[in-house]
Amino acid sequence: MGFGTYFAIYFIMWWISLFLVLPFSGKSQAEEGEVVLGTTKSAPANLKVLRIVVMNSIVASVFFVCFFVLVEVFGVTFDDFMAIFPKF
């Protein structure tokens, strides 16, 4: 696979792992006890976007390195992944 393919796979992994990282990113306004007028109680109290992006990039990079090693070192292909599932 080429650089563009690996970049696309990393990009997809980054967006999927974002949903793993977001719930652990902070407390809601209800947990903090200070709900700003016009917002919901579940809105983040102190959103730290840079911290979320860095944490997400680390998680996505770990997933990508595992994928890269499986594909490049061990020679696992898409057909090998599909062999895990039963045939109907």
PDB file of N, CA and C in Angstrom:
ATOM      1  N   MET A   1       0.841  -1.182   0.000  1.00  0.00           N
ATOM      2  CA  MET A   1       0.000   0.000   0.000  1.00  0.00           C
ATOM      3  C   MET A   1       0.883   1.241   0.000  1.00  0.00           C
ATOM      4  N   GLY A   2       0.367   2.287  -0.576  1.00  0.00           N
ATOM      5  CA  GLY A   2       1.119   3.521  -0.663  1.00  0.00           C
ATOM      6  C   GLY A   2       0.855   4.463   0.502  1.00  0.00           C
ATOM      7  N   PHE A   3       1.571   5.581   0.472  1.00  0.00           N
ATOM      8  CA  PHE A   3       1.447   6.573   1.537  1.00  0.00           C
ATOM      9  C   PHE A   3       0.024   7.116   1.638  1.00  0.00           C
ATOM     10  N   GLY A   4      -0.599   7.378   0.495  1.00  0.00           N
ATOM     11  CA  GLY A   4      -1.961   7.923   0.493  1.00  0.00           C
ATOM     12  C   GLY A   4      -2.957   6.983   1.147  1.00  0.00           C
ATOM     13  N   THR A   5      -2.814   5.680   0.899  1.00  0.00           N
ATOM     14  CA  THR A   5      -3.705   4.698   1.500  1.00  0.00           C
ATOM     15  C   THR A   5      -3.511   4.651   3.007  1.00  0.00           C
ATOM     16  N   TYR A   6      -2.261   4.637   3.441  1.00  0.00           N
ATOM     17  CA  TYR A   6      -1.993   4.621   4.881  1.00  0.00           C
ATOM     18  C   TYR A   6      -2.482   5.909   5.550  1.00  0.00           C
ATOM     19  N   PHE A   7      -2.333   7.022   4.870  1.00  0.00           N
ATOM     20  CA  PHE A   7      -2.833   8.284   5.425  1.00  0.00           C
ATOM     21  C   PHE A   7      -4.355   8.245   5.574  1.00  0.00           C
ATOM     22  N   ALA A   8      -5.043   7.714   4.579  1.00  0.00           N
ATOM     23  CA  ALA A   8      -6.501   7.604   4.644  1.00  0.00           C
ATOM     24  C   ALA A   8      -6.932   6.679   5.776  1.00  0.00           C
ATOM     25  N   ILE A   9      -6.229   5.575   5.960  1.00  0.00           N
ATOM     26  CA  ILE A   9      -6.551   4.651   7.045  1.00  0.00           C
ATOM     27  C   ILE A   9      -6.315   5.324   8.393  1.00  0.00           C
ATOM     28  N   TYR A  10      -5.210   6.061   8.532  1.00  0.00           N
ATOM     29  CA  TYR A  10      -4.954   6.777   9.787  1.00  0.00           C
ATOM     30  C   TYR A  10      -6.031   7.831  10.039  1.00  0.00           C
ATOM     31  N   PHE A  11      -6.435   8.533   9.001  1.00  0.00           N
ATOM     32  CA  PHE A  11      -7.459   9.561   9.130  1.00  0.00           C
ATOM     33  C   PHE A  11      -8.774   8.948   9.627  1.00  0.00           C
ATOM     34  N   ILE A  12      -9.148   7.814   9.067  1.00  0.00           N
ATOM     35  CA  ILE A  12     -10.372   7.141   9.510  1.00  0.00           C
ATOM     36  C   ILE A  12     -10.222   6.657  10.946  1.00  0.00           C
ATOM     37  N   MET A  13      -9.073   6.093  11.286  1.00  0.00           N
ATOM     38  CA  MET A  13      -8.839   5.642  12.666  1.00  0.00           C
ATOM     39  C   MET A  13      -8.871   6.814  13.636  1.00  0.00           C
ATOM     40  N   TRP A  14      -8.368   7.972  13.199  1.00  0.00           N
ATOM     41  CA  TRP A  14      -8.364   9.151  14.059  1.00  0.00           C
ATOM     42  C   TRP A  14      -9.797   9.574  14.397  1.00  0.00           C
ATOM     43  N   TRP A  15     -10.658   9.618  13.385  1.00  0.00           N
ATOM     44  CA  TRP A  15     -12.040  10.037  13.620  1.00  0.00           C
ATOM     45  C   TRP A  15     -12.808   9.018  14.443  1.00  0.00           C
ATOM     46  N   ILE A  16     -12.565   7.735  14.224  1.00  0.00           N
ATOM     47  CA  ILE A  16     -13.255   6.718  15.019  1.00  0.00           C
ATOM     48  C   ILE A  16     -12.778   6.754  16.462  1.00  0.00           C
ATOM     49  N   SER A  17     -11.483   6.908  16.677  1.00  0.00           N
ATOM     50  CA  SER A  17     -10.970   6.938  18.049  1.00  0.00           C
ATOM     51  C   SER A  17     -11.371   8.220  18.779  1.00  0.00           C
ATOM     52  N   LEU A  18     -11.756   9.244  18.044  1.00  0.00           N
ATOM     53  CA  LEU A  18     -12.237  10.463  18.693  1.00  0.00           C
ATOM     54  C   LEU A  18     -13.443  10.162  19.578  1.00  0.00           C
ATOM     55  N   PHE A  19     -14.304   9.258  19.126  1.00  0.00           N
ATOM     56  CA  PHE A  19     -15.469   8.900  19.917  1.00  0.00           C
ATOM     57  C   PHE A  19     -15.106   8.062  21.136  1.00  0.00           C
ATOM     58  N   LEU A  20     -13.921   7.479  21.160  1.00  0.00           N
ATOM     59  CA  LEU A  20     -13.427   6.795  22.347  1.00  0.00           C
ATOM     60  C   LEU A  20     -12.881   7.788  23.364  1.00  0.00           C
ATOM     61  N   VAL A  21     -12.246   8.829  22.880  1.00  0.00           N
ATOM     62  CA  VAL A  21     -11.563   9.783  23.751  1.00  0.00           C
ATOM     63  C   VAL A  21     -12.524  10.821  24.344  1.00  0.00           C
ATOM     64  N   LEU A  22     -13.516  11.238  23.599  1.00  0.00           N
ATOM     65  CA  LEU A  22     -14.397  12.321  24.044  1.00  0.00           C
ATOM     66  C   LEU A  22     -15.080  12.087  25.389  1.00  0.00           C
ATOM     67  N   PRO A  23     -15.607  10.900  25.689  1.00  0.00           N
ATOM     68  CA  PRO A  23     -16.263  10.740  26.989  1.00  0.00           C
ATOM     69  C   PRO A  23     -15.334  10.895  28.187  1.00  0.00           C
ATOM     70  N   PHE A  24     -14.042  10.722  27.990  1.00  0.00           N
ATOM     71  CA  PHE A  24     -13.087  10.821  29.090  1.00  0.00           C
ATOM     72  C   PHE A  24     -12.426  12.195  29.171  1.00  0.00           C
ATOM     73  N   SER A  25     -12.947  13.164  28.424  1.00  0.00           N
ATOM     74  CA  SER A  25     -12.244  14.437  28.284  1.00  0.00           C
ATOM     75  C   SER A  25     -12.542  15.455  29.376  1.00  0.00           C
ATOM     76  N   GLY A  26     -13.590  15.295  30.138  1.00  0.00           N
ATOM     77  CA  GLY A  26     -13.857  16.289  31.164  1.00  0.00           C
ATOM     78  C   GLY A  26     -15.189  16.083  31.842  1.00  0.00           C
ATOM     79  N   LYS A  27     -15.559  17.084  32.629  1.00  0.00           N
ATOM     80  CA  LYS A  27     -16.800  17.027  33.390  1.00  0.00           C
ATOM     81  C   LYS A  27     -17.851  17.911  32.742  1.00  0.00           C
ATOM     82  N   SER A  28     -19.101  17.549  32.970  1.00  0.00           N
ATOM     83  CA  SER A  28     -20.199  18.345  32.436  1.00  0.00           C
ATOM     84  C   SER A  28     -20.485  19.517  33.369  1.00  0.00           C
ATOM     85  N   GLN A  29     -21.301  20.449  32.892  1.00  0.00           N
ATOM     86  CA  GLN A  29     -21.664  21.600  33.710  1.00  0.00           C
ATOM     87  C   GLN A  29     -22.475  21.168  34.927  1.00  0.00           C
ATOM     88  N   ALA A  30     -23.277  20.110  34.784  1.00  0.00           N
ATOM     89  CA  ALA A  30     -24.064  19.615  35.912  1.00  0.00           C
ATOM     90  C   ALA A  30     -23.153  19.043  36.991  1.00  0.00           C
ATOM     91  N   GLU A  31     -22.083  18.359  36.602  1.00  0.00           N
ATOM     92  CA  GLU A  31     -21.137  17.805  37.581  1.00  0.00           C
ATOM     93  C   GLU A  31     -20.364  18.915  38.287  1.00  0.00           C
ATOM     94  N   GLU A  32     -20.088  19.976  37.582  1.00  0.00           N
ATOM     95  CA  GLU A  32     -19.375  21.107  38.171  1.00  0.00           C
ATOM     96  C   GLU A  32     -20.283  21.962  39.041  1.00  0.00           C
ATOM     97  N   GLY A  33     -21.590  21.901  38.791  1.00  0.00           N
ATOM     98  CA  GLY A  33     -22.537  22.673  39.592  1.00  0.00           C
ATOM     99  C   GLY A  33     -22.814  24.069  39.069  1.00  0.00           C
ATOM    100  N   GLU A  34     -22.283  24.431  37.928  1.00  0.00           N
ATOM    101  CA  GLU A  34     -22.497  25.758  37.355  1.00  0.00           C
ATOM    102  C   GLU A  34     -22.976  25.614  35.915  1.00  0.00           C
ATOM    103  N   VAL A  35     -24.297  25.681  35.724  1.00  0.00           N
ATOM    104  CA  VAL A  35     -24.877  25.571  34.392  1.00  0.00           C
ATOM    105  C   VAL A  35     -25.073  26.975  33.835  1.00  0.00           C
ATOM    106  N   VAL A  36     -24.455  27.246  32.689  1.00  0.00           N
ATOM    107  CA  VAL A  36     -24.553  28.549  32.037  1.00  0.00           C
ATOM    108  C   VAL A  36     -25.935  28.666  31.398  1.00  0.00           C
ATOM    109  N   LEU A  37     -26.567  29.802  31.582  1.00  0.00           N
ATOM    110  CA  LEU A  37     -27.893  30.028  31.039  1.00  0.00           C
ATOM    111  C   LEU A  37     -27.877  29.885  29.514  1.00  0.00           C
ATOM    112  N   GLY A  38     -28.807  29.098  28.984  1.00  0.00           N
ATOM    113  CA  GLY A  38     -28.905  28.890  27.542  1.00  0.00           C
ATOM    114  C   GLY A  38     -28.184  27.651  27.050  1.00  0.00           C
ATOM    115  N   THR A  39     -27.548  26.903  27.945  1.00  0.00           N
ATOM    116  CA  THR A  39     -26.876  25.659  27.560  1.00  0.00           C
ATOM    117  C   THR A  39     -27.510  24.496  28.306  1.00  0.00           C
ATOM    118  N   THR A  40     -27.237  23.289  27.826  1.00  0.00           N
ATOM    119  CA  THR A  40     -27.747  22.106  28.501  1.00  0.00           C
ATOM    120  C   THR A  40     -26.839  21.730  29.665  1.00  0.00           C
ATOM    121  N   LYS A  41     -27.389  20.944  30.577  1.00  0.00           N
ATOM    122  CA  LYS A  41     -26.607  20.514  31.739  1.00  0.00           C
ATOM    123  C   LYS A  41     -25.455  19.598  31.342  1.00  0.00           C
ATOM    124  N   SER A  42     -25.618  18.916  30.211  1.00  0.00           N
ATOM    125  CA  SER A  42     -24.591  17.959  29.793  1.00  0.00           C
ATOM    126  C   SER A  42     -23.462  18.588  28.978  1.00  0.00           C
ATOM    127  N   ALA A  43     -23.518  19.891  28.756  1.00  0.00           N
ATOM    128  CA  ALA A  43     -22.451  20.568  28.011  1.00  0.00           C
ATOM    129  C   ALA A  43     -21.158  20.550  28.831  1.00  0.00           C
ATOM    130  N   PRO A  44     -20.014  20.468  28.163  1.00  0.00           N
ATOM    131  CA  PRO A  44     -18.752  20.436  28.906  1.00  0.00           C
ATOM    132  C   PRO A  44     -18.518  21.734  29.673  1.00  0.00           C
ATOM    133  N   ALA A  45     -17.974  21.590  30.879  1.00  0.00           N
ATOM    134  CA  ALA A  45     -17.736  22.758  31.719  1.00  0.00           C
ATOM    135  C   ALA A  45     -16.480  23.502  31.281  1.00  0.00           C
ATOM    136  N   ASN A  46     -15.425  22.784  31.023  1.00  0.00           N
ATOM    137  CA  ASN A  46     -14.158  23.406  30.642  1.00  0.00           C
ATOM    138  C   ASN A  46     -13.540  22.582  29.524  1.00  0.00           C
ATOM    139  N   LEU A  47     -13.920  22.880  28.300  1.00  0.00           N
ATOM    140  CA  LEU A  47     -13.483  22.102  27.144  1.00  0.00           C
ATOM    141  C   LEU A  47     -12.038  22.456  26.792  1.00  0.00           C
ATOM    142  N   LYS A  48     -11.188  21.434  26.765  1.00  0.00           N
ATOM    143  CA  LYS A  48      -9.781  21.619  26.407  1.00  0.00           C
ATOM    144  C   LYS A  48      -9.537  20.880  25.090  1.00  0.00           C
ATOM    145  N   VAL A  49      -9.726  21.600  23.998  1.00  0.00           N
ATOM    146  CA  VAL A  49      -9.680  21.002  22.670  1.00  0.00           C
ATOM    147  C   VAL A  49      -8.285  20.474  22.341  1.00  0.00           C
ATOM    148  N   LEU A  50      -7.249  21.217  22.660  1.00  0.00           N
ATOM    149  CA  LEU A  50      -5.889  20.781  22.332  1.00  0.00           C
ATOM    150  C   LEU A  50      -5.549  19.480  23.053  1.00  0.00           C
ATOM    151  N   ARG A  51      -5.953  19.371  24.308  1.00  0.00           N
ATOM    152  CA  ARG A  51      -5.710  18.152  25.083  1.00  0.00           C
ATOM    153  C   ARG A  51      -6.433  16.965  24.450  1.00  0.00           C
ATOM    154  N   ILE A  52      -7.669  17.176  24.000  1.00  0.00           N
ATOM    155  CA  ILE A  52      -8.451  16.113  23.364  1.00  0.00           C
ATOM    156  C   ILE A  52      -7.791  15.684  22.059  1.00  0.00           C
ATOM    157  N   VAL A  53      -7.328  16.635  21.261  1.00  0.00           N
ATOM    158  CA  VAL A  53      -6.688  16.326  19.979  1.00  0.00           C
ATOM    159  C   VAL A  53      -5.396  15.548  20.195  1.00  0.00           C
ATOM    160  N   VAL A  54      -4.611  15.934  21.182  1.00  0.00           N
ATOM    161  CA  VAL A  54      -3.346  15.248  21.455  1.00  0.00           C
ATOM    162  C   VAL A  54      -3.612  13.826  21.949  1.00  0.00           C
ATOM    163  N   MET A  55      -4.542  13.676  22.897  1.00  0.00           N
ATOM    164  CA  MET A  55      -4.868  12.340  23.404  1.00  0.00           C
ATOM    165  C   MET A  55      -5.403  11.449  22.286  1.00  0.00           C
ATOM    166  N   ASN A  56      -6.261  12.017  21.448  1.00  0.00           N
ATOM    167  CA  ASN A  56      -6.830  11.251  20.348  1.00  0.00           C
ATOM    168  C   ASN A  56      -5.765  10.849  19.342  1.00  0.00           C
ATOM    169  N   SER A  57      -4.833  11.734  19.065  1.00  0.00           N
ATOM    170  CA  SER A  57      -3.756  11.414  18.133  1.00  0.00           C
ATOM    171  C   SER A  57      -2.882  10.283  18.660  1.00  0.00           C
ATOM    172  N   ILE A  58      -2.651  10.265  19.954  1.00  0.00           N
ATOM    173  CA  ILE A  58      -1.859   9.194  20.565  1.00  0.00           C
ATOM    174  C   ILE A  58      -2.590   7.862  20.451  1.00  0.00           C
ATOM    175  N   VAL A  59      -3.884   7.853  20.778  1.00  0.00           N
ATOM    176  CA  VAL A  59      -4.676   6.623  20.691  1.00  0.00           C
ATOM    177  C   VAL A  59      -4.742   6.129  19.248  1.00  0.00           C
ATOM    178  N   ALA A  60      -5.010   7.019  18.308  1.00  0.00           N
ATOM    179  CA  ALA A  60      -5.087   6.632  16.901  1.00  0.00           C
ATOM    180  C   ALA A  60      -3.734   6.139  16.398  1.00  0.00           C
ATOM    181  N   SER A  61      -2.646   6.736  16.859  1.00  0.00           N
ATOM    182  CA  SER A  61      -1.312   6.297  16.429  1.00  0.00           C
ATOM    183  C   SER A  61      -1.004   4.896  16.929  1.00  0.00           C
ATOM    184  N   VAL A  62      -1.424   4.576  18.137  1.00  0.00           N
ATOM    185  CA  VAL A  62      -1.221   3.222  18.669  1.00  0.00           C
ATOM    186  C   VAL A  62      -1.998   2.209  17.829  1.00  0.00           C
ATOM    187  N   PHE A  63      -3.260   2.518  17.529  1.00  0.00           N
ATOM    188  CA  PHE A  63      -4.057   1.632  16.677  1.00  0.00           C
ATOM    189  C   PHE A  63      -3.424   1.484  15.295  1.00  0.00           C
ATOM    190  N   PHE A  64      -2.942   2.586  14.749  1.00  0.00           N
ATOM    191  CA  PHE A  64      -2.356   2.548  13.413  1.00  0.00           C
ATOM    192  C   PHE A  64      -1.062   1.744  13.396  1.00  0.00           C
ATOM    193  N   VAL A  65      -0.241   1.878  14.404  1.00  0.00           N
ATOM    194  CA  VAL A  65       1.009   1.107  14.461  1.00  0.00           C
ATOM    195  C   VAL A  65       0.698  -0.385  14.530  1.00  0.00           C
ATOM    196  N   CYS A  66      -0.311  -0.759  15.325  1.00  0.00           N
ATOM    197  CA  CYS A  66      -0.722  -2.170  15.381  1.00  0.00           C
ATOM    198  C   CYS A  66      -1.181  -2.655  14.006  1.00  0.00           C
ATOM    199  N   PHE A  67      -1.980  -1.840  13.325  1.00  0.00           N
ATOM    200  CA  PHE A  67      -2.439  -2.186  11.982  1.00  0.00           C
ATOM    201  C   PHE A  67      -1.266  -2.294  11.014  1.00  0.00           C
ATOM    202  N   PHE A  68      -0.361  -1.337  11.062  1.00  0.00           N
ATOM    203  CA  PHE A  68       0.794  -1.314  10.156  1.00  0.00           C
ATOM    204  C   PHE A  68       1.668  -2.556  10.354  1.00  0.00           C
ATOM    205  N   VAL A  69       1.898  -2.925  11.609  1.00  0.00           N
ATOM    206  CA  VAL A  69       2.713  -4.113  11.884  1.00  0.00           C
ATOM    207  C   VAL A  69       2.019  -5.366  11.370  1.00  0.00           C
ATOM    208  N   LEU A  70       0.704  -5.468  11.580  1.00  0.00           N
ATOM    209  CA  LEU A  70      -0.030  -6.630  11.068  1.00  0.00           C
ATOM    210  C   LEU A  70       0.071  -6.738   9.553  1.00  0.00           C
ATOM    211  N   VAL A  71      -0.050  -5.609   8.873  1.00  0.00           N
ATOM    212  CA  VAL A  71      -0.065  -5.631   7.410  1.00  0.00           C
ATOM    213  C   VAL A  71       1.339  -5.790   6.834  1.00  0.00           C
ATOM    214  N   GLU A  72       2.270  -4.985   7.287  1.00  0.00           N
ATOM    215  CA  GLU A  72       3.604  -4.969   6.673  1.00  0.00           C
ATOM    216  C   GLU A  72       4.537  -6.066   7.186  1.00  0.00           C
ATOM    217  N   VAL A  73       4.482  -6.357   8.464  1.00  0.00           N
ATOM    218  CA  VAL A  73       5.420  -7.336   9.022  1.00  0.00           C
ATOM    219  C   VAL A  73       4.871  -8.751   8.897  1.00  0.00           C
ATOM    220  N   PHE A  74       3.614  -8.943   9.295  1.00  0.00           N
ATOM    221  CA  PHE A  74       3.038 -10.280   9.298  1.00  0.00           C
ATOM    222  C   PHE A  74       2.292 -10.620   8.015  1.00  0.00           C
ATOM    223  N   GLY A  75       2.081  -9.669   7.131  1.00  0.00           N
ATOM    224  CA  GLY A  75       1.465  -9.933   5.843  1.00  0.00           C
ATOM    225  C   GLY A  75      -0.021 -10.242   5.888  1.00  0.00           C
ATOM    226  N   VAL A  76      -0.710  -9.723   6.880  1.00  0.00           N
ATOM    227  CA  VAL A  76      -2.149  -9.949   6.990  1.00  0.00           C
ATOM    228  C   VAL A  76      -2.860  -9.100   5.933  1.00  0.00           C
ATOM    229  N   THR A  77      -3.818  -9.700   5.229  1.00  0.00           N
ATOM    230  CA  THR A  77      -4.562  -8.993   4.189  1.00  0.00           C
ATOM    231  C   THR A  77      -6.019  -8.844   4.600  1.00  0.00           C
ATOM    232  N   PHE A  78      -6.778  -8.125   3.772  1.00  0.00           N
ATOM    233  CA  PHE A  78      -8.198  -7.934   4.034  1.00  0.00           C
ATOM    234  C   PHE A  78      -8.929  -9.278   4.035  1.00  0.00           C
ATOM    235  N   ASP A  79      -8.527 -10.190   3.164  1.00  0.00           N
ATOM    236  CA  ASP A  79      -9.150 -11.512   3.120  1.00  0.00           C
ATOM    237  C   ASP A  79      -8.919 -12.280   4.417  1.00  0.00           C
ATOM    238  N   ASP A  80      -7.766 -12.076   5.043  1.00  0.00           N
ATOM    239  CA  ASP A  80      -7.497 -12.726   6.320  1.00  0.00           C
ATOM    240  C   ASP A  80      -8.420 -12.186   7.410  1.00  0.00           C
ATOM    241  N   PHE A  81      -8.687 -10.873   7.376  1.00  0.00           N
ATOM    242  CA  PHE A  81      -9.623 -10.304   8.340  1.00  0.00           C
ATOM    243  C   PHE A  81     -11.023 -10.879   8.142  1.00  0.00           C
ATOM    244  N   MET A  82     -11.434 -11.043   6.882  1.00  0.00           N
ATOM    245  CA  MET A  82     -12.778 -11.531   6.577  1.00  0.00           C
ATOM    246  C   MET A  82     -12.917 -13.019   6.887  1.00  0.00           C
ATOM    247  N   ALA A  83     -11.817 -13.753   6.967  1.00  0.00           N
ATOM    248  CA  ALA A  83     -11.871 -15.177   7.275  1.00  0.00           C
ATOM    249  C   ALA A  83     -12.289 -15.418   8.723  1.00  0.00           C
ATOM    250  N   ILE A  84     -12.236 -14.391   9.544  1.00  0.00           N
ATOM    251  CA  ILE A  84     -12.642 -14.520  10.945  1.00  0.00           C
ATOM    252  C   ILE A  84     -14.144 -14.750  11.042  1.00  0.00           C
ATOM    253  N   PHE A  85     -14.907 -14.129  10.159  1.00  0.00           N
ATOM    254  CA  PHE A  85     -16.354 -14.183  10.220  1.00  0.00           C
ATOM    255  C   PHE A  85     -16.881 -15.444   9.522  1.00  0.00           C
ATOM    256  N   PRO A  86     -17.967 -16.016  10.047  1.00  0.00           N
ATOM    257  CA  PRO A  86     -18.512 -17.220   9.397  1.00  0.00           C
ATOM    258  C   PRO A  86     -19.170 -16.876   8.051  1.00  0.00           C
ATOM    259  N   LYS A  87     -19.194 -17.854   7.172  1.00  0.00           N
ATOM    260  CA  LYS A  87     -19.830 -17.669   5.862  1.00  0.00           C
ATOM    261  C   LYS A  87     -21.273 -18.109   5.954  1.00  0.00           C
ATOM    262  N   PHE A  88     -22.159 -17.308   5.433  1.00  0.00           N
ATOM    263  CA  PHE A  88     -23.593 -17.637   5.485  1.00  0.00           C
ATOM    264  C   PHE A  88     -24.064 -18.140   4.152  1.00  0.00           C
TER     265      PHE A  88
END
